[in-house]
């Protein structure tokens, strides 16, 4: 086995600490950038030949589109700030329209206003989406006794107890499903919708709690800035822009380099890369693991068994995107940016985005085409994702035709599969993450970050990477037993 020191010698003698980042998604790239800012010598290792993880672009009918996430939450500053730092300030672009619909009860219905993740402040706003009985059930929330939430509770369980299952099934489910591809009756309220968890502890009435959240939000941030932001040319441009910035600041990036082993050494860590026939060792003072939970679990199994066991328990959902290009004259789409579909309605697609209507930069590339993105796949829907591309495209077109009346043949279509793409946040997720972080913190010069921990959105991944970079370079207090190199600290 060949050992490579890759960079400056160990940081204990006052030289730059050598840090290896494992994973080339947006979290790993951000961690590399922040470590360089702090003066570290950084090498980033990505197993595949492509950077960006779940962010990527592609051509459909000659039009450049996102084939992964298409927008960033702008009311959190981290992702937009990273894009600006990476030279994309001039490319930031809000949606041209944010007017979405629900395809439910056999019709496209405007998305109700004045809700927090589907929970309304005013029951009347859900007329047409809910049955008369469902709307009337919301009013009972004001007279019901407190629903105890303890340390955590499922979103669906709590919301159904307060305002009825119809609110969960026809509003909360499609909204949460668009973020987590999960089941509202399993997803943690505390992890996924923390403002509602706090309201549940503060208020007896859920609708009263929603009104309080809205009042605080309006008072704290009276601006009318966009909630979401895209990038001209696609959010998939962001990873490459950050990678270019990392290289410009002296960082080294190696793709096609899977890490197969991680072990402690007297001076830090040794990573094993390469193939069994030609393994390569890479020594570092510190390591940031910015990979999905299953990969992190495998790498930590030898040194931090308890953390590895917790990480191995995190489940993932798979999904697929079916993107179509239609001739504009043959595809008279409804107004708005697209629609969400409640699972209770029994459709194949869970969402559709009229991408050329939503993003000006797409429409400007080829005004003669309409680009439509549809998605399928929720947690434990392996049967649906097992179908071949042609069948998925046919099923998506059938739903599009039923929902919108568009029966035209597409000029181009493409299926993008994200196998095991979205980590699930069930009840107790934050407690599991806290245990992992406590265990990892006991190992000097090691941190974890990414979508499996604090949120699946781009801003959350950027924030967790920034914190991971800070942690691995933080000095240990003198006499801290975790600073030793023997044993299994944190176990």
Protein backbone atom coordinates (compact mmCIF):
# COMPACT_ATOMS: atom_id res chain seq x y z
CA UNK A 1 0.00 0.00 0.00
CA UNK A 2 1.33 3.38 -1.01
CA UNK A 3 0.98 6.20 1.52
CA UNK A 4 0.51 9.78 0.36
CA UNK A 5 0.96 12.79 2.61
CA UNK A 6 -0.76 15.12 0.13
CA UNK A 7 -0.10 18.64 1.23
CA UNK A 8 1.61 20.20 4.17
CA UNK A 9 2.89 18.10 7.07
CA UNK A 10 0.90 17.65 10.26
CA UNK A 11 -0.48 20.80 11.76
CA UNK A 12 0.81 20.07 15.26
CA UNK A 13 4.08 21.84 14.49
CA UNK A 14 2.42 25.06 13.43
CA UNK A 15 2.08 24.32 9.74
CA UNK A 16 -1.25 24.14 7.96
CA UNK A 17 -3.37 21.22 9.14
CA UNK A 18 -4.06 18.65 6.43
CA UNK A 19 -7.78 17.92 6.10
CA UNK A 20 -9.44 15.42 3.79
CA UNK A 21 -13.10 15.92 2.86
CA UNK A 22 -14.88 12.77 1.71
CA UNK A 23 -17.77 13.53 -0.65
CA UNK A 24 -18.14 16.02 -3.49
CA UNK A 25 -21.74 17.14 -3.08
CA UNK A 26 -22.62 20.67 -2.05
CA UNK A 27 -21.90 19.86 1.62
CA UNK A 28 -18.43 18.48 0.92
CA UNK A 29 -17.55 21.34 -1.41
CA UNK A 30 -18.71 23.88 1.17
CA UNK A 31 -16.70 22.18 3.90
CA UNK A 32 -13.60 22.29 1.69
CA UNK A 33 -14.11 25.98 1.04
CA UNK A 34 -14.53 26.83 4.73
CA UNK A 35 -11.48 24.77 5.69
CA UNK A 36 -9.40 26.64 3.12
CA UNK A 37 -10.69 29.91 4.57
CA UNK A 38 -9.36 28.76 7.95
CA UNK A 39 -5.90 28.05 6.55
CA UNK A 40 -6.06 24.27 6.15
CA UNK A 41 -4.49 22.30 3.31
CA UNK A 42 -7.50 20.54 1.82
CA UNK A 43 -8.01 17.50 -0.40
CA UNK A 44 -11.55 16.53 -1.43
CA UNK A 45 -12.21 12.95 -2.56
CA UNK A 46 -15.32 12.07 -4.60
CA UNK A 47 -16.09 8.45 -5.48
CA UNK A 48 -17.89 9.19 -8.75
CA UNK A 49 -16.55 11.01 -11.79
CA UNK A 50 -18.96 13.91 -11.23
CA UNK A 51 -19.22 16.55 -8.51
CA UNK A 52 -22.51 17.87 -7.22
CA UNK A 53 -24.33 14.94 -5.68
CA UNK A 54 -28.08 15.51 -6.13
CA UNK A 55 -27.51 18.78 -8.01
CA UNK A 56 -27.05 18.44 -11.76
CA UNK A 57 -28.23 19.85 -15.07
CA UNK A 58 -28.89 18.28 -18.48
CA UNK A 59 -30.38 18.99 -21.90
CA UNK A 60 -34.01 18.23 -22.77
CA UNK A 61 -34.94 19.12 -26.35
CA UNK A 62 -31.83 21.26 -26.53
CA UNK A 63 -32.86 23.24 -23.43
CA UNK A 64 -30.63 23.26 -20.35
CA UNK A 65 -32.66 22.28 -17.26
CA UNK A 66 -32.11 21.08 -13.71
CA UNK A 67 -32.31 17.31 -13.31
CA UNK A 68 -32.17 17.54 -9.52
CA UNK A 69 -33.13 20.32 -7.12
CA UNK A 70 -34.21 23.40 -9.04
CA UNK A 71 -34.38 26.06 -6.31
CA UNK A 72 -32.91 27.15 -2.99
CA UNK A 73 -34.75 28.50 0.03
CA UNK A 74 -33.78 32.18 -0.02
CA UNK A 75 -35.16 33.15 3.39
CA UNK A 76 -32.26 31.17 4.84
CA UNK A 77 -29.07 32.99 3.81
CA UNK A 78 -26.52 30.18 3.50
CA UNK A 79 -27.13 28.86 -0.03
CA UNK A 80 -27.64 32.23 -1.70
CA UNK A 81 -24.53 33.57 0.05
CA UNK A 82 -22.52 30.56 -1.16
CA UNK A 83 -23.70 31.15 -4.74
CA UNK A 84 -22.60 34.78 -4.53
CA UNK A 85 -19.22 33.80 -3.10
CA UNK A 86 -18.77 31.34 -5.97
CA UNK A 87 -19.32 34.04 -8.58
CA UNK A 88 -22.99 33.41 -9.36
CA UNK A 89 -24.46 36.63 -7.95
CA UNK A 90 -25.51 37.84 -11.38
CA UNK A 91 -27.17 34.52 -12.18
CA UNK A 92 -29.47 34.39 -9.15
CA UNK A 93 -33.08 34.56 -10.29
CA UNK A 94 -36.38 34.25 -8.40
CA UNK A 95 -39.26 32.23 -9.85
CA UNK A 96 -41.30 34.08 -12.46
CA UNK A 97 -44.41 32.70 -10.76
CA UNK A 98 -44.89 30.89 -7.48
CA UNK A 99 -48.60 30.27 -7.95
CA UNK A 100 -48.94 26.52 -7.52
CA UNK A 101 -52.00 24.28 -7.45
CA UNK A 102 -53.20 21.04 -5.90
CA UNK A 103 -54.49 18.30 -8.17
CA UNK A 104 -57.08 16.81 -5.88
CA UNK A 105 -60.69 15.68 -6.06
CA UNK A 106 -60.33 15.42 -9.87
CA UNK A 107 -59.49 19.10 -10.41
CA UNK A 108 -56.61 21.54 -10.25
CA UNK A 109 -57.34 23.80 -7.29
CA UNK A 110 -55.33 26.87 -6.21
CA UNK A 111 -52.93 26.18 -3.37
CA UNK A 112 -54.55 27.68 -0.25
CA UNK A 113 -52.87 30.74 1.22
CA UNK A 114 -52.05 31.42 4.84
CA UNK A 115 -50.79 28.02 5.99
CA UNK A 116 -47.65 26.64 7.65
CA UNK A 117 -46.67 23.39 5.89
CA UNK A 118 -50.33 22.82 5.04
CA UNK A 119 -51.78 23.72 8.44
CA UNK A 120 -54.20 26.63 8.01
CA UNK A 121 -54.75 29.63 10.22
CA UNK A 122 -58.26 30.04 8.76
CA UNK A 123 -60.37 26.92 8.01
CA UNK A 124 -62.30 28.79 5.30
CA UNK A 125 -59.13 28.95 3.17
CA UNK A 126 -59.40 25.20 2.54
CA UNK A 127 -62.91 25.20 1.09
CA UNK A 128 -62.86 23.19 -2.13
CA UNK A 129 -59.71 21.32 -1.15
CA UNK A 130 -61.36 19.71 1.86
CA UNK A 131 -64.90 18.40 2.19
CA UNK A 132 -67.40 20.43 4.20
CA UNK A 133 -66.90 17.95 7.03
CA UNK A 134 -63.13 18.39 6.79
CA UNK A 135 -63.40 22.18 7.02
CA UNK A 136 -65.79 21.90 9.96
CA UNK A 137 -63.40 19.52 11.74
CA UNK A 138 -60.67 22.18 11.78
CA UNK A 139 -62.85 24.41 13.95
CA UNK A 140 -62.87 21.76 16.70
CA UNK A 141 -59.19 22.52 17.30
CA UNK A 142 -60.15 25.55 19.41
CA UNK A 143 -62.07 23.45 21.94
CA UNK A 144 -59.96 20.30 22.14
CA UNK A 145 -57.71 19.70 25.17
CA UNK A 146 -53.96 19.99 24.68
CA UNK A 147 -52.27 17.29 22.61
CA UNK A 148 -49.06 16.27 24.34
CA UNK A 149 -46.10 16.02 21.96
CA UNK A 150 -43.39 14.92 24.40
CA UNK A 151 -39.87 14.93 22.99
CA UNK A 152 -41.15 14.33 19.45
CA UNK A 153 -44.22 13.25 17.51
CA UNK A 154 -45.07 12.49 13.90
CA UNK A 155 -46.30 15.46 11.88
CA UNK A 156 -49.37 13.58 10.68
CA UNK A 157 -50.25 12.22 14.09
CA UNK A 158 -50.20 15.66 15.72
CA UNK A 159 -51.92 17.58 12.93
CA UNK A 160 -54.64 14.93 12.52
CA UNK A 161 -55.32 15.00 16.27
CA UNK A 162 -55.79 18.76 16.19
CA UNK A 163 -57.49 19.53 12.86
CA UNK A 164 -58.36 16.18 11.30
CA UNK A 165 -56.89 13.68 8.85
CA UNK A 166 -58.15 15.51 5.78
CA UNK A 167 -55.72 18.37 6.40
CA UNK A 168 -52.88 15.87 6.63
CA UNK A 169 -53.95 13.76 3.64
CA UNK A 170 -54.71 16.59 1.22
CA UNK A 171 -52.29 19.34 2.24
CA UNK A 172 -49.56 18.28 4.65
CA UNK A 173 -48.74 15.05 2.79
CA UNK A 174 -48.12 16.60 -0.67
CA UNK A 175 -46.13 19.50 0.78
CA UNK A 176 -43.92 17.31 2.97
CA UNK A 177 -43.69 14.72 0.21
CA UNK A 178 -42.16 17.32 -2.08
CA UNK A 179 -39.34 17.85 0.41
CA UNK A 180 -38.72 14.44 1.99
CA UNK A 181 -40.52 11.96 -0.32
CA UNK A 182 -41.77 10.50 2.94
CA UNK A 183 -44.91 9.73 4.90
CA UNK A 184 -46.35 12.49 7.08
CA UNK A 185 -47.44 9.92 9.64
CA UNK A 186 -43.79 8.91 10.17
CA UNK A 187 -41.91 12.19 9.69
CA UNK A 188 -40.73 13.96 12.84
CA UNK A 189 -42.53 17.20 13.65
CA UNK A 190 -39.55 18.40 15.65
CA UNK A 191 -37.08 17.77 12.80
CA UNK A 192 -39.16 18.65 9.74
CA UNK A 193 -41.37 21.51 10.98
CA UNK A 194 -39.68 22.81 14.14
CA UNK A 195 -41.77 25.98 14.26
CA UNK A 196 -44.93 23.85 14.55
CA UNK A 197 -43.29 21.70 17.23
CA UNK A 198 -42.51 24.83 19.24
CA UNK A 199 -46.07 26.09 18.70
CA UNK A 200 -47.46 22.75 19.89
CA UNK A 201 -45.60 23.19 23.17
CA UNK A 202 -46.62 26.82 23.56
CA UNK A 203 -50.26 26.75 22.43
CA UNK A 204 -53.15 24.39 23.04
CA UNK A 205 -54.79 25.29 19.72
CA UNK A 206 -52.82 24.46 16.56
CA UNK A 207 -54.56 27.12 14.46
CA UNK A 208 -53.76 29.68 17.14
CA UNK A 209 -50.14 28.54 17.02
CA UNK A 210 -50.06 28.95 13.23
CA UNK A 211 -51.38 32.51 13.53
CA UNK A 212 -48.67 33.25 16.11
CA UNK A 213 -45.98 31.88 13.77
CA UNK A 214 -47.27 34.03 10.92
CA UNK A 215 -47.38 37.13 13.13
CA UNK A 216 -43.81 36.59 14.35
CA UNK A 217 -42.59 35.98 10.81
CA UNK A 218 -44.24 39.13 9.51
CA UNK A 219 -42.85 41.21 12.39
CA UNK A 220 -39.31 39.81 12.11
CA UNK A 221 -39.09 39.92 8.31
CA UNK A 222 -41.56 42.35 6.75
CA UNK A 223 -39.73 42.22 3.39
CA UNK A 224 -41.33 40.91 0.25
CA UNK A 225 -38.16 39.18 -0.96
CA UNK A 226 -38.64 35.86 -2.78
CA UNK A 227 -39.00 32.79 -0.63
CA UNK A 228 -37.03 30.74 -3.18
CA UNK A 229 -34.20 31.50 -5.58
CA UNK A 230 -32.95 29.73 -8.69
CA UNK A 231 -29.84 30.12 -10.83
CA UNK A 232 -29.80 31.07 -14.50
CA UNK A 233 -28.59 27.90 -16.18
CA UNK A 234 -29.72 25.74 -13.28
CA UNK A 235 -29.02 25.21 -9.58
CA UNK A 236 -26.87 22.36 -10.88
CA UNK A 237 -24.28 25.01 -11.76
CA UNK A 238 -23.62 25.69 -8.08
CA UNK A 239 -21.36 22.71 -7.27
CA UNK A 240 -19.02 23.35 -10.18
CA UNK A 241 -18.82 27.04 -9.30
CA UNK A 242 -17.91 26.16 -5.71
CA UNK A 243 -15.39 23.56 -6.94
CA UNK A 244 -13.75 26.20 -9.14
CA UNK A 245 -13.51 28.48 -6.09
CA UNK A 246 -12.00 25.66 -4.01
CA UNK A 247 -9.33 25.05 -6.64
CA UNK A 248 -8.64 28.78 -7.01
CA UNK A 249 -7.97 28.97 -3.26
CA UNK A 250 -5.52 26.10 -3.36
CA UNK A 251 -7.70 23.09 -2.62
CA UNK A 252 -7.20 19.78 -4.38
CA UNK A 253 -10.19 17.82 -5.77
CA UNK A 254 -9.96 14.20 -6.89
CA UNK A 255 -12.95 12.52 -8.56
CA UNK A 256 -13.19 8.81 -9.24
CA UNK A 257 -11.58 8.19 -5.85
CA UNK A 258 -13.75 6.11 -3.51
CA UNK A 259 -12.68 5.92 0.13
CA UNK A 260 -12.86 2.35 1.40
CA UNK A 261 -11.31 2.64 4.85
CA UNK A 262 -10.79 5.08 7.72
CA UNK A 263 -8.54 4.43 10.71
CA UNK A 264 -7.03 6.48 13.50
CA UNK A 265 -3.28 7.01 13.65
CA UNK A 266 -1.11 8.57 16.39
CA UNK A 267 -1.16 11.85 14.46
CA UNK A 268 -4.68 11.87 13.05
CA UNK A 269 -6.34 9.66 10.42
CA UNK A 270 -5.44 7.36 7.56
CA UNK A 271 -7.84 6.94 4.65
CA UNK A 272 -7.67 4.02 2.24
CA UNK A 273 -8.57 4.70 -1.37
CA UNK A 274 -8.01 3.00 -4.70
CA UNK A 275 -8.73 -0.65 -5.48
CA UNK A 276 -8.02 -3.82 -3.49
CA UNK A 277 -5.30 -4.64 -6.00
CA UNK A 278 -3.72 -1.20 -5.76
CA UNK A 279 -4.73 0.44 -2.48
CA UNK A 280 -3.51 3.89 -1.58
CA UNK A 281 -3.19 5.43 1.89
CA UNK A 282 -3.76 9.09 2.55
CA UNK A 283 -2.80 10.58 5.92
CA UNK A 284 -4.57 13.61 7.36
CA UNK A 285 -4.79 15.57 10.58
CA UNK A 286 -8.58 15.77 10.25
CA UNK A 287 -11.40 14.32 8.16
CA UNK A 288 -14.87 15.57 7.23
CA UNK A 289 -17.33 12.92 6.09
CA UNK A 290 -19.79 14.59 3.72
CA UNK A 291 -21.34 11.40 2.35
CA UNK A 292 -24.78 9.79 2.80
CA UNK A 293 -25.40 7.96 6.07
CA UNK A 294 -24.82 4.40 4.76
CA UNK A 295 -21.38 5.32 3.41
CA UNK A 296 -20.50 7.18 6.60
CA UNK A 297 -21.60 4.15 8.63
CA UNK A 298 -19.29 1.84 6.67
CA UNK A 299 -16.32 4.16 7.11
CA UNK A 300 -16.90 4.59 10.85
CA UNK A 301 -17.62 0.95 11.63
CA UNK A 302 -14.07 0.11 12.67
CA UNK A 303 -13.48 3.11 14.91
CA UNK A 304 -16.86 4.38 16.15
CA UNK A 305 -19.19 1.41 16.24
CA UNK A 306 -22.07 3.12 18.03
CA UNK A 307 -22.12 6.07 15.64
CA UNK A 308 -21.93 3.67 12.69
CA UNK A 309 -24.87 1.68 14.03
CA UNK A 310 -27.00 4.81 14.38
CA UNK A 311 -26.10 6.01 10.89
CA UNK A 312 -26.90 2.62 9.41
CA UNK A 313 -30.46 2.96 10.78
CA UNK A 314 -31.20 6.07 8.69
CA UNK A 315 -33.47 5.10 5.82
CA UNK A 316 -33.60 6.72 2.39
CA UNK A 317 -36.32 7.22 -0.22
CA UNK A 318 -35.77 6.86 -3.96
CA UNK A 319 -37.45 9.01 -6.58
CA UNK A 320 -37.44 9.66 -10.30
CA UNK A 321 -37.91 12.79 -12.39
CA UNK A 322 -39.59 12.55 -15.80
CA UNK A 323 -38.83 15.70 -17.77
CA UNK A 324 -40.64 16.49 -21.02
CA UNK A 325 -40.22 19.03 -23.81
CA UNK A 326 -43.46 19.82 -25.67
CA UNK A 327 -44.01 22.15 -28.60
CA UNK A 328 -45.54 25.27 -27.08
CA UNK A 329 -48.32 25.41 -29.66
CA UNK A 330 -49.40 21.87 -28.77
CA UNK A 331 -49.23 22.16 -24.97
CA UNK A 332 -51.66 24.69 -23.50
CA UNK A 333 -50.66 24.38 -19.87
CA UNK A 334 -52.76 25.85 -17.04
CA UNK A 335 -51.59 29.03 -15.38
CA UNK A 336 -49.15 28.85 -12.51
CA UNK A 337 -45.91 27.04 -11.77
CA UNK A 338 -47.30 23.52 -11.50
CA UNK A 339 -49.14 21.31 -9.03
CA UNK A 340 -48.74 18.92 -6.12
CA UNK A 341 -50.70 15.68 -5.77
CA UNK A 342 -51.95 14.24 -2.46
CA UNK A 343 -51.16 10.50 -2.23
CA UNK A 344 -54.75 9.87 -1.13
CA UNK A 345 -55.91 10.72 -4.67
CA UNK A 346 -54.15 7.62 -6.00
CA UNK A 347 -52.21 9.19 -8.88
CA UNK A 348 -48.82 8.08 -10.15
CA UNK A 349 -47.05 11.45 -10.14
CA UNK A 350 -46.65 13.32 -6.88
CA UNK A 351 -45.85 16.69 -8.47
CA UNK A 352 -45.44 18.53 -11.76
CA UNK A 353 -43.55 21.72 -12.45
CA UNK A 354 -44.15 23.87 -15.53
CA UNK A 355 -40.46 24.71 -15.61
CA UNK A 356 -40.60 27.09 -18.57
CA UNK A 357 -43.34 29.03 -16.82
CA UNK A 358 -41.60 29.01 -13.45
CA UNK A 359 -38.12 30.05 -14.60
CA UNK A 360 -37.54 32.83 -17.12
CA UNK A 361 -34.11 31.51 -18.01
CA UNK A 362 -35.65 28.26 -19.29
CA UNK A 363 -38.33 30.01 -21.37
CA UNK A 364 -35.74 32.35 -22.88
CA UNK A 365 -33.62 29.46 -24.21
CA UNK A 366 -36.31 28.20 -26.57
CA UNK A 367 -39.68 30.03 -26.54
CA UNK A 368 -41.09 27.38 -28.88
CA UNK A 369 -40.90 24.65 -26.22
CA UNK A 370 -42.67 24.00 -22.94
CA UNK A 371 -40.56 22.13 -20.37
CA UNK A 372 -42.47 20.12 -17.78
CA UNK A 373 -40.93 18.21 -14.86
CA UNK A 374 -42.88 15.45 -13.10
CA UNK A 375 -41.80 13.29 -10.18
CA UNK A 376 -42.67 9.92 -8.68
CA UNK A 377 -41.45 8.02 -5.66
CA UNK A 378 -42.01 8.10 -1.94
CA UNK A 379 -40.45 6.20 0.92
CA UNK A 380 -41.00 2.44 0.55
CA UNK A 381 -42.42 2.73 -2.98
CA UNK A 382 -39.80 0.44 -4.48
CA UNK A 383 -42.33 -1.18 -6.81
CA UNK A 384 -42.97 2.09 -8.63
CA UNK A 385 -39.27 2.84 -9.05
CA UNK A 386 -38.68 -0.69 -10.34
CA UNK A 387 -40.50 0.10 -13.59
CA UNK A 388 -38.47 0.84 -16.68
CA UNK A 389 -38.05 4.34 -18.12
CA UNK A 390 -40.59 3.89 -20.90
CA UNK A 391 -43.32 2.86 -18.47
CA UNK A 392 -42.56 5.73 -16.09
CA UNK A 393 -42.77 8.21 -18.97
CA UNK A 394 -46.08 6.74 -20.13
CA UNK A 395 -47.56 6.87 -16.63
CA UNK A 396 -46.42 10.46 -16.12
CA UNK A 397 -47.86 11.52 -19.51
CA UNK A 398 -51.17 9.88 -18.64
CA UNK A 399 -51.42 11.85 -15.39
CA UNK A 400 -50.38 15.06 -17.16
CA UNK A 401 -53.08 14.54 -19.78
CA UNK A 402 -55.73 13.91 -17.11
CA UNK A 403 -54.68 16.90 -14.98
CA UNK A 404 -54.02 19.49 -17.71
CA UNK A 405 -55.53 18.21 -20.94
CA UNK A 406 -52.13 18.17 -22.66
CA UNK A 407 -52.12 15.13 -24.95
CA UNK A 408 -49.28 16.15 -27.30
CA UNK A 409 -46.34 13.93 -28.10
CA UNK A 410 -43.19 15.30 -26.48
CA UNK A 411 -40.28 16.21 -28.73
CA UNK A 412 -37.96 14.89 -26.03
CA UNK A 413 -38.23 13.20 -22.64
CA UNK A 414 -35.79 11.97 -20.04
CA UNK A 415 -35.92 9.96 -16.80
CA UNK A 416 -33.52 10.83 -13.99
CA UNK A 417 -33.40 8.37 -11.12
CA UNK A 418 -32.22 9.32 -7.68
CA UNK A 419 -31.83 5.95 -5.97
CA UNK A 420 -31.69 6.27 -2.19
CA UNK A 421 -31.68 10.02 -2.74
CA UNK A 422 -33.52 11.51 0.25
CA UNK A 423 -32.82 10.67 3.91
CA UNK A 424 -35.91 10.14 6.04
CA UNK A 425 -36.48 12.06 9.27
CA UNK A 426 -38.75 9.82 11.38
CA UNK A 427 -39.75 10.49 14.97
CA UNK A 428 -36.57 10.47 17.05
CA UNK A 429 -34.32 11.55 14.19
CA UNK A 430 -32.82 14.50 16.06
CA UNK A 431 -32.02 12.31 19.07
CA UNK A 432 -30.21 9.89 16.74
CA UNK A 433 -28.26 12.73 15.14
CA UNK A 434 -27.31 14.07 18.57
CA UNK A 435 -25.95 10.65 19.56
CA UNK A 436 -23.92 10.43 16.35
CA UNK A 437 -22.50 13.90 16.84
CA UNK A 438 -21.62 13.23 20.48
CA UNK A 439 -19.76 10.08 19.48
CA UNK A 440 -17.98 11.73 16.54
CA UNK A 441 -17.02 14.71 18.71
CA UNK A 442 -15.07 12.33 20.94
CA UNK A 443 -12.77 11.48 18.06
CA UNK A 444 -10.24 14.27 17.53
CA UNK A 445 -10.27 15.81 14.05
CA UNK A 446 -13.47 14.21 12.74
CA UNK A 447 -16.85 15.64 11.73
CA UNK A 448 -19.89 14.66 9.67
CA UNK A 449 -22.20 16.80 7.56
CA UNK A 450 -24.80 16.64 4.81
CA UNK A 451 -28.49 16.01 4.22
CA UNK A 452 -28.78 13.18 6.73
CA UNK A 453 -28.44 15.43 9.76
CA UNK A 454 -30.04 18.88 9.98
CA UNK A 455 -32.19 19.23 6.86
CA UNK A 456 -32.29 18.07 3.26
CA UNK A 457 -32.36 21.51 1.63
CA UNK A 458 -29.30 23.21 0.16
CA UNK A 459 -29.08 25.92 2.89
CA UNK A 460 -29.18 23.27 5.63
CA UNK A 461 -26.43 21.26 3.92
CA UNK A 462 -24.28 24.38 3.57
CA UNK A 463 -24.82 25.25 7.24
CA UNK A 464 -23.93 21.74 8.45
CA UNK A 465 -20.76 21.77 6.32
CA UNK A 466 -19.71 25.12 7.73
CA UNK A 467 -20.13 23.80 11.26
CA UNK A 468 -18.25 20.59 10.43
CA UNK A 469 -15.30 22.61 9.15
CA UNK A 470 -15.28 24.63 12.36
CA UNK A 471 -15.42 21.52 14.53
CA UNK A 472 -12.51 19.62 12.98
CA UNK A 473 -10.19 22.60 13.38
CA UNK A 474 -11.35 23.61 16.87
CA UNK A 475 -8.52 23.26 19.42
CA UNK A 476 -8.97 20.68 22.18
CA UNK A 477 -8.77 21.89 25.79
CA UNK A 478 -5.50 20.81 27.40
CA UNK A 479 -5.99 17.51 29.16
CA UNK A 480 -9.07 16.58 27.14
CA UNK A 481 -9.07 12.76 27.13
CA UNK A 482 -10.54 12.75 23.63
CA UNK A 483 -7.30 14.19 22.30
CA UNK A 484 -5.53 10.87 22.69
CA UNK A 485 -5.09 8.49 19.81
CA UNK A 486 -5.96 5.20 21.49
CA UNK A 487 -9.26 3.62 22.45
CA UNK A 488 -12.67 4.42 21.01
CA UNK A 489 -13.50 7.91 22.28
CA UNK A 490 -17.17 8.76 22.37
CA UNK A 491 -18.29 5.12 22.49
